[in-house]
Amino acid sequence: MKLRHQLAFSAFAVFALIFSGSGLTLIEISARLRQQDQIDALIAQNRAIDGMLSSAAALMAFTPSSFSPQRQLQNQLEKILADSALETGVRILDEEGRIMADSGFPEIDDDQMETPQNDQIWMKIKNTAAGPILISAHALPLNDTRLIIQSSADLRALRRDVQNQLGLFFFINLAACAVYWLAMIVVSRRLTQPIEQLAEGERQIAGGRWSQRVPVSGAQELKALAENFNRMAETVEQKVAELETGNQEKEIFINNLSHEMKTPLTSILGYTQLLRRTKMSPQDAEQALDIIESEARRMERLSSRLMQLIIAARPLSECSAAALDSFIEQAVLRLKPALREKSLRLCVECEPLTVLIDEELMQAALRNVLDNAVKASQPQTLIMIEAKTTETGWQIAVRDEGCGIQDPHPERMLQPFVMEDQARSRKHHGAGLGLALTQRIVQAHGGTVEIDSQPGHGTEVRFVFPPETLAADAKAKASQTKARMGKSEQDKERTHEEQ
């Protein structure tokens, strides 16, 4: 059963029970009140009859009569009942149960009657052929005689009214339940529609439609539920997209790796078979061995890069404090032979900062960028290294005056096996893993790699790090630098306004 049907049925059942129970209770209370009114009227009538009989008995004591006292009493009783405008039937009996006076009292079997005791009034409902009748009886001592006064009240009108009320209530109850059921169908459908839309959205997402969203509608709680569901669906969609992108990147990585491994292996196997099967001059054999050694070193570099990529992808161990100028100086020492070979000029500008880094990994990252700068630079050009604090932390920038990157999206160079100049990369035993490794290392430190390049005018690669990677004294200096920069900007704005 659907939720809206369960909700409508439950509400209808509660309404029917409450409405029916309340209506029947009211009818029952009304009937009892009317019956109590009749009882009270019957008691009042009995008291009135008692008063009249007492007065008649007192008069009989002073009125001479030729009749016997018994006959005289009976005549007085008949006269009293005849002269009284009684609304109910009354019957007066003596102690032996003989009827002394009767005024419209219904016929009831004597075995259904009881003889009351003195100072006792009993009332009972007797069922007759005509219908239910309320009977009351009490004893009245009068002179030397004990009289039993019986009164009756017809309950048939009351029963007919109760039955009419029950019949009318049945139709009212039926109509009210029908209207309420239809109203609850509409209301429950409106209340549960957001939940059904949510369930439909969940089925769509489970079926692979990750972009599915549900409309935000309904009560405040349902709106919050729909918003949370949409956020969850958006997160799932992003994660699925990331997984698909990751799988594609892994597939490309494996294909490129297979290609990079296949080329040197083919050369090594080819020249090895040539040396085995062909008689070669010492010069040709030496040349073949040089090629084999070159391709083997290329594979060694490739395996080393892959191992560094794996290590960089792992969480960093605890970083240590390092002086930034000494760190850059160590990276430059290895670069000096290549600089002399191409007659390149190197300029280093470094603020005296203490940073929290893994020196071994960061040395590899910086050397990768410097190697690329040397390879891309023409003789007699400049390579610039600048390390300084920024408004958001600190950075290291490496700029060259080389050929630049032709790709309009230079950030693609950060992907594994992506190379700008295939021929130049092969010449220098490159496999397109240097910048990918650099990005992994910088990201492991919480930073980012940014590349700006203009074809023919050079390239700038920046390592941008957050302030968390600065030592305490360096953080204070960075704050002062930021304050000075902010003040300088304010001075510029003030000067501009004055102009």
Protein backbone atom coordinates (compact mmCIF):
# COMPACT_ATOMS: atom_id res chain seq x y z
CA MET A 1 0.00 0.00 0.00
CA LYS A 2 1.33 3.43 -0.91
CA LEU A 3 2.24 5.91 1.79
CA ARG A 4 -0.48 8.37 0.81
CA HIS A 5 -3.12 5.61 1.04
CA GLN A 6 -1.81 4.52 4.43
CA LEU A 7 -1.85 8.11 5.64
CA ALA A 8 -5.38 8.71 4.33
CA PHE A 9 -6.69 5.41 5.73
CA SER A 10 -5.11 5.97 9.14
CA ALA A 11 -6.49 9.50 9.40
CA PHE A 12 -9.92 8.29 8.20
CA ALA A 13 -9.97 5.47 10.77
CA VAL A 14 -9.10 7.86 13.59
CA PHE A 15 -11.73 10.36 12.39
CA ALA A 16 -14.42 7.68 12.05
CA LEU A 17 -13.74 6.31 15.54
CA ILE A 18 -13.71 9.74 17.17
CA PHE A 19 -16.69 11.13 15.23
CA SER A 20 -18.84 8.00 15.64
CA GLY A 21 -17.91 7.55 19.30
CA SER A 22 -18.59 11.21 20.06
CA GLY A 23 -21.96 11.18 18.26
CA LEU A 24 -23.16 7.98 19.93
CA THR A 25 -21.99 9.25 23.31
CA LEU A 26 -23.92 12.50 22.86
CA ILE A 27 -27.08 10.62 21.84
CA GLU A 28 -26.72 8.32 24.86
CA ILE A 29 -26.20 11.25 27.22
CA SER A 30 -29.20 13.07 25.77
CA ALA A 31 -31.40 9.97 26.21
CA ARG A 32 -30.30 9.52 29.80
CA LEU A 33 -30.95 13.18 30.57
CA ARG A 34 -34.47 12.96 29.13
CA GLN A 35 -35.09 9.75 31.07
CA GLN A 36 -33.86 11.45 34.25
CA ASP A 37 -36.26 14.30 33.56
CA GLN A 38 -39.11 11.81 33.40
CA ILE A 39 -37.95 10.21 36.64
CA ASP A 40 -37.85 13.61 38.32
CA ALA A 41 -41.33 14.43 36.98
CA LEU A 42 -42.63 11.09 38.25
CA ILE A 43 -41.16 11.69 41.71
CA ALA A 44 -42.70 15.18 41.83
CA GLN A 45 -46.06 13.77 40.82
CA ASN A 46 -45.86 11.12 43.54
CA ARG A 47 -45.11 13.75 46.16
CA ALA A 48 -48.07 15.78 44.96
CA ILE A 49 -50.34 12.74 45.21
CA ASP A 50 -49.02 12.01 48.69
CA GLY A 51 -49.88 15.53 49.75
CA MET A 52 -53.39 15.31 48.34
CA LEU A 53 -53.97 11.93 50.01
CA SER A 54 -52.75 13.23 53.35
CA SER A 55 -55.11 16.20 53.08
CA ALA A 56 -58.02 13.94 52.13
CA ALA A 57 -57.36 11.67 55.11
CA ALA A 58 -57.38 14.65 57.45
CA LEU A 59 -60.76 15.81 56.05
CA MET A 60 -62.25 12.35 56.39
CA ALA A 61 -61.64 12.43 60.14
CA PHE A 62 -63.97 15.42 60.50
CA THR A 63 -66.55 14.55 57.84
CA PRO A 64 -69.38 12.20 58.87
CA SER A 65 -70.39 9.60 56.29
CA SER A 66 -72.78 6.69 56.02
CA PHE A 67 -70.10 4.64 54.24
CA SER A 68 -67.57 2.45 55.92
CA PRO A 69 -64.11 3.94 56.41
CA GLN A 70 -62.76 1.62 53.73
CA ARG A 71 -65.42 2.65 51.25
CA GLN A 72 -65.10 6.27 52.20
CA LEU A 73 -61.30 6.12 51.59
CA GLN A 74 -61.79 4.46 48.24
CA ASN A 75 -64.29 7.14 47.17
CA GLN A 76 -61.84 9.87 48.16
CA LEU A 77 -59.02 8.19 46.26
CA GLU A 78 -61.09 7.85 43.10
CA LYS A 79 -62.22 11.44 43.42
CA ILE A 80 -58.65 12.69 43.85
CA LEU A 81 -57.36 10.77 40.80
CA ALA A 82 -60.34 11.89 38.74
CA ASP A 83 -60.02 15.55 39.66
CA SER A 84 -56.21 15.65 39.23
CA ALA A 85 -54.88 16.36 35.74
CA LEU A 86 -52.30 13.58 35.82
CA GLU A 87 -49.96 13.23 32.85
CA THR A 88 -49.05 9.64 33.72
CA GLY A 89 -50.93 6.57 34.85
CA VAL A 90 -51.42 6.13 38.63
CA ARG A 91 -52.76 3.20 40.59
CA ILE A 92 -53.39 2.92 44.38
CA LEU A 93 -53.50 -0.46 46.09
CA ASP A 94 -54.10 -1.60 49.66
CA GLU A 95 -51.78 -3.91 51.61
CA GLU A 96 -53.39 -7.04 50.12
CA GLY A 97 -52.77 -5.72 46.62
CA ARG A 98 -56.41 -4.84 45.85
CA ILE A 99 -56.83 -1.90 43.51
CA MET A 100 -58.56 0.97 45.28
CA ALA A 101 -58.21 3.62 42.54
CA ASP A 102 -56.86 3.64 38.99
CA SER A 103 -56.20 6.43 36.50
CA GLY A 104 -54.80 5.19 33.18
CA PHE A 105 -52.28 2.80 34.72
CA PRO A 106 -51.06 0.25 32.12
CA GLU A 107 -51.82 -3.44 32.45
CA ILE A 108 -48.83 -5.16 33.99
CA ASP A 109 -48.65 -8.67 35.42
CA ASP A 110 -48.57 -8.67 39.18
CA ASP A 111 -45.53 -10.93 39.20
CA GLN A 112 -43.63 -8.06 37.56
CA MET A 113 -44.49 -5.77 40.49
CA GLU A 114 -42.80 -5.61 43.85
CA THR A 115 -44.18 -4.40 47.18
CA PRO A 116 -42.04 -1.52 48.47
CA GLN A 117 -41.07 -1.17 52.09
CA ASN A 118 -41.87 1.90 54.17
CA ASP A 119 -39.79 4.94 53.22
CA GLN A 120 -38.70 3.14 50.07
CA ILE A 121 -39.23 4.09 46.42
CA TRP A 122 -38.26 1.73 43.68
CA MET A 123 -38.27 2.33 39.95
CA LYS A 124 -37.99 -0.13 37.14
CA ILE A 125 -38.49 -0.25 33.40
CA LYS A 126 -41.06 -2.87 32.44
CA ASN A 127 -41.47 -4.16 28.91
CA THR A 128 -45.05 -4.44 27.77
CA ALA A 129 -46.68 -5.31 24.48
CA ALA A 130 -47.03 -1.59 23.75
CA GLY A 131 -43.42 -0.82 24.62
CA PRO A 132 -41.18 0.02 27.58
CA ILE A 133 -42.75 1.74 30.58
CA LEU A 134 -41.09 3.29 33.64
CA ILE A 135 -42.82 2.18 36.85
CA SER A 136 -42.34 3.71 40.31
CA ALA A 137 -43.86 2.45 43.57
CA HIS A 138 -43.77 3.59 47.19
CA ALA A 139 -45.77 2.96 50.40
CA LEU A 140 -47.78 5.66 52.14
CA PRO A 141 -49.14 5.08 55.70
CA LEU A 142 -52.51 6.78 55.88
CA ASN A 143 -54.46 6.65 59.21
CA ASP A 144 -54.65 2.97 60.00
CA THR A 145 -54.16 1.91 56.41
CA ARG A 146 -50.96 1.34 54.37
CA LEU A 147 -51.43 2.31 50.75
CA ILE A 148 -49.14 1.45 47.81
CA ILE A 149 -49.00 4.13 45.14
CA GLN A 150 -47.81 3.09 41.72
CA SER A 151 -47.05 5.57 38.88
CA SER A 152 -46.06 4.95 35.26
CA ALA A 153 -44.34 6.93 32.49
CA ASP A 154 -44.40 5.93 28.85
CA LEU A 155 -40.86 5.61 27.38
CA ARG A 156 -41.93 4.81 23.84
CA ALA A 157 -41.62 8.43 22.68
CA LEU A 158 -38.13 8.58 24.15
CA ARG A 159 -37.13 5.36 22.43
CA ARG A 160 -38.53 6.59 19.11
CA ASP A 161 -36.57 9.83 19.44
CA VAL A 162 -33.39 7.90 20.19
CA GLN A 163 -33.91 5.66 17.18
CA ASN A 164 -34.61 8.67 14.96
CA GLN A 165 -31.46 10.36 16.24
CA LEU A 166 -29.42 7.20 15.60
CA GLY A 167 -30.78 6.95 12.06
CA LEU A 168 -30.08 10.62 11.35
CA PHE A 169 -26.62 10.32 12.85
CA PHE A 170 -25.89 7.27 10.69
CA PHE A 171 -26.52 9.26 7.49
CA ILE A 172 -24.62 12.29 8.83
CA ASN A 173 -21.74 10.04 9.86
CA LEU A 174 -21.74 8.34 6.45
CA ALA A 175 -21.70 11.67 4.61
CA ALA A 176 -19.01 13.13 6.91
CA CYS A 177 -16.80 10.05 6.50
CA ALA A 178 -17.15 10.17 2.71
CA VAL A 179 -16.24 13.87 2.58
CA TYR A 180 -13.37 13.37 5.00
CA TRP A 181 -12.03 10.39 3.01
CA LEU A 182 -12.00 12.40 -0.22
CA ALA A 183 -10.36 15.35 1.55
CA MET A 184 -7.70 13.09 3.08
CA ILE A 185 -6.95 11.54 -0.33
CA VAL A 186 -6.25 15.02 -1.71
CA VAL A 187 -4.33 16.20 1.35
CA SER A 188 -2.26 13.02 1.71
CA ARG A 189 -1.40 13.10 -1.99
CA ARG A 190 -0.22 16.68 -1.63
CA LEU A 191 1.73 15.88 1.54
CA THR A 192 3.41 12.77 0.17
CA GLN A 193 4.10 14.09 -3.33
CA PRO A 194 7.55 15.47 -2.33
CA ILE A 195 8.41 12.10 -0.77
CA GLU A 196 7.30 10.26 -3.92
CA GLN A 197 9.38 12.67 -6.02
CA LEU A 198 12.30 11.98 -3.70
CA ALA A 199 11.83 8.23 -4.12
CA GLU A 200 11.60 8.63 -7.89
CA GLY A 201 14.79 10.71 -7.88
CA GLU A 202 16.51 8.01 -5.84
CA ARG A 203 15.41 5.37 -8.37
CA GLN A 204 16.71 7.52 -11.24
CA ILE A 205 20.07 8.01 -9.52
CA ALA A 206 20.29 4.32 -8.65
CA GLY A 207 19.71 3.64 -12.34
CA GLY A 208 22.71 5.75 -13.33
CA ARG A 209 21.16 9.18 -14.03
CA TRP A 210 23.56 11.06 -11.77
CA SER A 211 22.33 14.51 -12.86
CA GLN A 212 18.81 13.82 -11.56
CA ARG A 213 17.51 16.33 -8.97
CA VAL A 214 14.23 16.58 -7.07
CA PRO A 215 12.12 19.76 -6.81
CA VAL A 216 12.23 21.52 -3.44
CA SER A 217 8.61 21.80 -2.30
CA GLY A 218 6.26 20.89 0.54
CA ALA A 219 6.61 21.55 4.24
CA GLN A 220 9.77 22.97 5.76
CA GLU A 221 11.04 19.54 6.81
CA LEU A 222 10.40 18.11 3.33
CA LYS A 223 12.16 21.07 1.71
CA ALA A 224 15.18 20.47 3.95
CA LEU A 225 15.08 16.77 3.04
CA ALA A 226 14.93 17.58 -0.69
CA GLU A 227 17.79 20.07 -0.40
CA ASN A 228 19.94 17.55 1.47
CA PHE A 229 19.09 14.91 -1.12
CA ASN A 230 20.09 17.22 -3.97
CA ARG A 231 23.36 18.03 -2.22
CA MET A 232 23.98 14.34 -1.73
CA ALA A 233 23.17 13.65 -5.39
CA GLU A 234 25.53 16.45 -6.45
CA THR A 235 28.29 14.97 -4.28
CA VAL A 236 27.66 11.51 -5.73
CA GLU A 237 27.73 12.93 -9.26
CA GLN A 238 31.02 14.68 -8.56
CA LYS A 239 32.54 11.55 -7.04
CA VAL A 240 31.38 9.45 -9.98
CA ALA A 241 32.81 12.02 -12.40
CA GLU A 242 36.07 12.00 -10.46
CA LEU A 243 36.17 8.20 -10.55
CA GLU A 244 35.47 8.15 -14.28
CA THR A 245 38.13 10.81 -14.86
CA GLY A 246 40.53 8.90 -12.65
CA ASN A 247 39.86 5.67 -14.55
CA GLN A 248 40.42 7.47 -17.86
CA GLU A 249 43.62 9.00 -16.55
CA LYS A 250 44.80 5.62 -15.30
CA GLU A 251 44.04 4.07 -18.68
CA ILE A 252 45.93 6.85 -20.48
CA PHE A 253 48.76 6.53 -17.97
CA ILE A 254 49.05 2.79 -18.55
CA ASN A 255 48.88 3.19 -22.33
CA ASN A 256 51.55 5.88 -22.29
CA LEU A 257 53.69 3.89 -19.89
CA SER A 258 53.44 0.84 -22.14
CA HIS A 259 54.44 2.99 -25.11
CA GLU A 260 57.35 4.57 -23.23
CA MET A 261 58.59 1.16 -22.09
CA LYS A 262 58.11 -0.46 -25.49
CA THR A 263 60.30 2.01 -27.43
CA PRO A 264 63.57 1.51 -25.48
CA LEU A 265 62.94 -2.21 -25.12
CA THR A 266 62.54 -2.52 -28.89
CA SER A 267 65.84 -0.69 -29.42
CA ILE A 268 67.64 -2.78 -26.80
CA LEU A 269 66.32 -6.08 -28.19
CA GLY A 270 67.03 -5.05 -31.77
CA TYR A 271 70.65 -4.05 -31.18
CA THR A 272 71.23 -7.06 -28.91
CA GLN A 273 70.08 -9.44 -31.66
CA LEU A 274 72.18 -7.48 -34.15
CA LEU A 275 75.29 -7.91 -32.00
CA ARG A 276 74.59 -11.62 -31.58
CA ARG A 277 73.93 -12.44 -35.24
CA THR A 278 76.08 -9.96 -37.17
CA LYS A 279 79.82 -9.49 -37.34
CA MET A 280 80.30 -5.78 -36.79
CA SER A 281 83.31 -3.50 -36.81
CA PRO A 282 84.49 -2.31 -33.42
CA GLN A 283 83.18 1.18 -34.17
CA ASP A 284 79.69 -0.10 -35.09
CA ALA A 285 79.64 -2.40 -32.09
CA GLU A 286 80.62 0.48 -29.82
CA GLN A 287 77.86 2.62 -31.33
CA ALA A 288 75.32 -0.17 -30.78
CA LEU A 289 76.42 -0.56 -27.18
CA ASP A 290 76.07 3.21 -26.67
CA ILE A 291 72.48 3.05 -27.95
CA ILE A 292 71.70 0.09 -25.69
CA GLU A 293 73.21 1.94 -22.71
CA SER A 294 71.28 5.11 -23.58
CA GLU A 295 67.96 3.28 -23.84
CA ALA A 296 68.68 1.37 -20.62
CA ARG A 297 69.39 4.62 -18.80
CA ARG A 298 66.17 5.99 -20.22
CA MET A 299 64.27 3.04 -18.73
CA GLU A 300 66.13 3.55 -15.46
CA ARG A 301 65.04 7.19 -15.38
CA LEU A 302 61.50 6.18 -16.22
CA SER A 303 61.34 3.62 -13.40
CA SER A 304 62.88 6.15 -11.00
CA ARG A 305 60.25 8.75 -11.95
CA LEU A 306 57.47 6.23 -11.48
CA MET A 307 58.78 5.32 -8.04
CA GLN A 308 58.92 9.00 -7.11
CA LEU A 309 55.32 9.42 -8.28
CA ILE A 310 54.23 6.55 -6.05
CA ILE A 311 56.12 7.97 -3.06
CA ALA A 312 54.72 11.47 -3.64
CA ALA A 313 51.16 10.10 -3.69
CA ARG A 314 51.56 8.80 -0.12
CA PRO A 315 50.89 10.99 2.94
CA LEU A 316 53.92 13.03 3.98
CA SER A 317 55.86 12.19 7.09
CA GLU A 318 56.46 15.00 9.58
CA CYS A 319 57.99 17.97 7.76
CA SER A 320 61.07 19.69 9.12
CA ALA A 321 62.02 23.35 9.25
CA ALA A 322 64.41 24.44 6.48
CA ALA A 323 65.98 27.75 5.54
CA LEU A 324 64.57 28.62 2.15
CA ASP A 325 67.77 30.26 0.82
CA SER A 326 69.90 27.21 1.71
CA PHE A 327 67.30 24.92 0.17
CA ILE A 328 67.38 26.84 -3.14
CA GLU A 329 71.19 27.00 -3.09
CA GLN A 330 71.40 23.19 -2.90
CA ALA A 331 69.13 22.88 -5.92
CA VAL A 332 71.20 25.40 -7.87
CA LEU A 333 74.52 23.60 -7.15
CA ARG A 334 73.45 20.62 -9.23
CA LEU A 335 72.37 22.96 -12.03
CA LYS A 336 75.70 24.82 -12.48
CA PRO A 337 77.28 22.40 -15.04
CA ALA A 338 74.21 22.67 -17.29
CA LEU A 339 74.22 26.46 -16.95
CA ARG A 340 77.91 26.68 -17.96
CA GLU A 341 77.32 24.31 -20.88
CA LYS A 342 74.60 26.55 -22.37
CA SER A 343 76.09 29.85 -21.12
CA LEU A 344 72.93 30.64 -19.17
CA ARG A 345 72.66 33.33 -16.54
CA LEU A 346 70.97 32.59 -13.20
CA CYS A 347 69.46 35.16 -10.84
CA VAL A 348 68.16 34.18 -7.38
CA GLU A 349 66.05 36.48 -5.19
CA CYS A 350 65.05 34.85 -1.92
CA GLU A 351 63.60 36.27 1.28
CA PRO A 352 65.11 34.86 4.50
CA LEU A 353 62.27 32.48 5.35
CA THR A 354 62.05 29.27 7.36
CA VAL A 355 59.60 26.80 5.86
CA LEU A 356 58.18 23.43 6.90
CA ILE A 357 58.82 20.96 4.04
CA ASP A 358 60.13 17.52 3.16
CA GLU A 359 63.47 18.66 1.74
CA GLU A 360 64.20 15.54 -0.31
CA LEU A 361 60.85 15.61 -2.13
CA MET A 362 60.88 19.39 -2.60
CA GLN A 363 64.44 19.21 -4.02
CA ALA A 364 63.14 16.76 -6.64
CA ALA A 365 60.21 19.08 -7.47
CA LEU A 366 62.37 22.19 -7.85
CA ARG A 367 65.05 20.37 -9.88
CA ASN A 368 62.41 19.10 -12.30
CA VAL A 369 61.29 22.66 -13.02
CA LEU A 370 64.87 23.95 -13.27
CA ASP A 371 65.81 21.11 -15.66
CA ASN A 372 62.87 22.02 -17.89
CA ALA A 373 63.90 25.70 -17.80
CA VAL A 374 67.45 24.83 -18.86
CA LYS A 375 66.22 22.55 -21.69
CA ALA A 376 63.81 25.22 -23.01
CA SER A 377 66.28 28.16 -22.80
CA GLN A 378 68.47 29.43 -25.58
CA PRO A 379 72.17 30.23 -24.86
CA GLN A 380 72.95 33.58 -23.24
CA THR A 381 69.43 33.89 -21.74
CA LEU A 382 68.34 34.36 -18.12
CA ILE A 383 66.73 31.98 -15.62
CA MET A 384 65.16 33.71 -12.61
CA ILE A 385 64.36 32.08 -9.24
CA GLU A 386 62.28 34.18 -6.84
CA ALA A 387 61.09 33.08 -3.37
CA LYS A 388 58.96 35.43 -1.29
CA THR A 389 55.95 35.76 1.00
CA THR A 390 52.52 36.60 -0.41
CA GLU A 391 49.15 37.64 0.97
CA THR A 392 48.11 33.98 1.10
CA GLY A 393 51.39 32.38 2.25
CA TRP A 394 54.63 32.07 0.27
CA GLN A 395 55.78 30.94 -3.17
CA ILE A 396 58.74 29.90 -5.32
CA ALA A 397 58.70 31.09 -8.94
CA VAL A 398 61.02 29.91 -11.75
CA ARG A 399 61.05 32.03 -14.93
CA ASP A 400 62.94 31.43 -18.15
CA GLU A 401 63.26 33.23 -21.49
CA GLY A 402 62.87 30.10 -23.57
CA CYS A 403 60.54 29.02 -26.32
CA GLY A 404 57.47 28.88 -24.11
CA ILE A 405 54.57 26.43 -24.33
CA GLN A 406 52.54 26.34 -27.55
CA ASP A 407 49.53 24.64 -25.95
CA PRO A 408 46.82 27.26 -25.10
CA HIS A 409 46.26 25.32 -21.87
CA PRO A 410 49.71 25.04 -20.33
CA GLU A 411 48.32 23.37 -17.21
CA ARG A 412 48.01 20.19 -19.30
CA MET A 413 51.77 19.84 -18.88
CA LEU A 414 51.08 18.80 -15.29
CA GLN A 415 49.50 15.54 -16.47
CA PRO A 416 51.65 12.41 -16.74
CA PHE A 417 53.26 11.65 -20.15
CA VAL A 418 52.14 14.99 -21.63
CA MET A 419 55.11 16.59 -23.46
CA GLU A 420 55.25 19.89 -25.34
CA ASP A 421 58.11 18.94 -27.68
CA GLN A 422 58.26 15.18 -28.27
CA ALA A 423 61.53 15.32 -30.20
CA ARG A 424 63.29 17.42 -27.57
CA SER A 425 61.95 15.22 -24.77
CA ARG A 426 63.24 12.05 -26.50
CA LYS A 427 66.61 13.72 -26.98
CA HIS A 428 66.88 14.43 -23.23
CA HIS A 429 65.44 11.01 -22.24
CA GLY A 430 62.20 12.61 -21.01
CA ALA A 431 58.91 10.81 -20.56
CA GLY A 432 56.60 13.68 -19.53
CA LEU A 433 56.58 12.75 -15.84
CA GLY A 434 58.63 15.62 -14.37
CA LEU A 435 55.88 18.21 -13.95
CA ALA A 436 53.35 15.54 -12.93
CA LEU A 437 55.74 14.49 -10.17
CA THR A 438 56.28 18.14 -9.22
CA GLN A 439 52.54 18.73 -8.86
CA ARG A 440 52.15 15.63 -6.69
CA ILE A 441 54.91 16.80 -4.36
CA VAL A 442 53.60 20.37 -4.07
CA GLN A 443 50.02 19.17 -3.49
CA ALA A 444 51.30 16.84 -0.76
CA HIS A 445 52.57 19.98 1.01
CA GLY A 446 49.14 21.64 0.65
CA GLY A 447 50.21 23.88 -2.22
CA THR A 448 49.40 24.31 -5.91
CA VAL A 449 51.42 24.58 -9.13
CA GLU A 450 50.63 27.46 -11.49
CA ILE A 451 52.00 27.83 -15.03
CA ASP A 452 52.06 31.01 -17.14
CA SER A 453 53.62 30.81 -20.58
CA GLN A 454 53.81 32.87 -23.76
CA PRO A 455 55.12 31.17 -26.90
CA GLY A 456 58.52 32.63 -27.77
CA HIS A 457 58.76 34.69 -24.56
CA GLY A 458 59.34 32.10 -21.89
CA THR A 459 57.52 30.27 -19.08
CA GLU A 460 56.95 30.90 -15.38
CA VAL A 461 56.21 28.02 -12.98
CA ARG A 462 55.08 28.92 -9.45
CA PHE A 463 54.84 26.78 -6.32
CA VAL A 464 52.22 28.49 -4.13
CA PHE A 465 52.05 27.31 -0.50
CA PRO A 466 49.63 28.15 2.36
CA PRO A 467 50.82 29.94 5.53
CA GLU A 468 50.64 26.67 7.49
CA THR A 469 53.93 25.62 5.87
CA LEU A 470 55.75 28.66 7.34
CA ALA A 471 57.62 28.52 10.64
CA ALA A 472 56.43 30.78 13.48
CA ASP A 473 58.90 33.58 12.82
CA ALA A 474 58.22 33.42 9.11
CA LYS A 475 54.47 33.69 9.74
CA ALA A 476 55.03 36.89 11.71
CA LYS A 477 57.10 38.31 8.89
CA ALA A 478 54.47 37.29 6.35
CA SER A 479 51.81 39.09 8.41
CA GLN A 480 53.94 42.23 8.46
CA THR A 481 54.45 41.96 4.71
CA LYS A 482 50.71 41.59 4.16
CA ALA A 483 50.07 44.62 6.37
CA ARG A 484 52.62 46.67 4.42
CA MET A 485 51.05 45.57 1.14
CA GLY A 486 47.62 46.51 2.39
CA LYS A 487 48.86 49.92 3.54
CA SER A 488 50.55 50.47 0.20
CA GLU A 489 47.29 49.70 -1.60
CA GLN A 490 45.44 52.14 0.64
CA ASP A 491 48.04 54.83 -0.05
CA LYS A 492 47.64 54.27 -3.77
CA GLU A 493 43.85 54.55 -3.51
CA ARG A 494 44.16 57.71 -1.40
CA THR A 495 46.57 59.26 -3.93
CA HIS A 496 44.24 58.36 -6.76
CA GLU A 497 41.28 59.99 -4.98
CA GLU A 498 43.31 63.16 -4.33
CA GLN A 499 44.21 63.35 -8.01
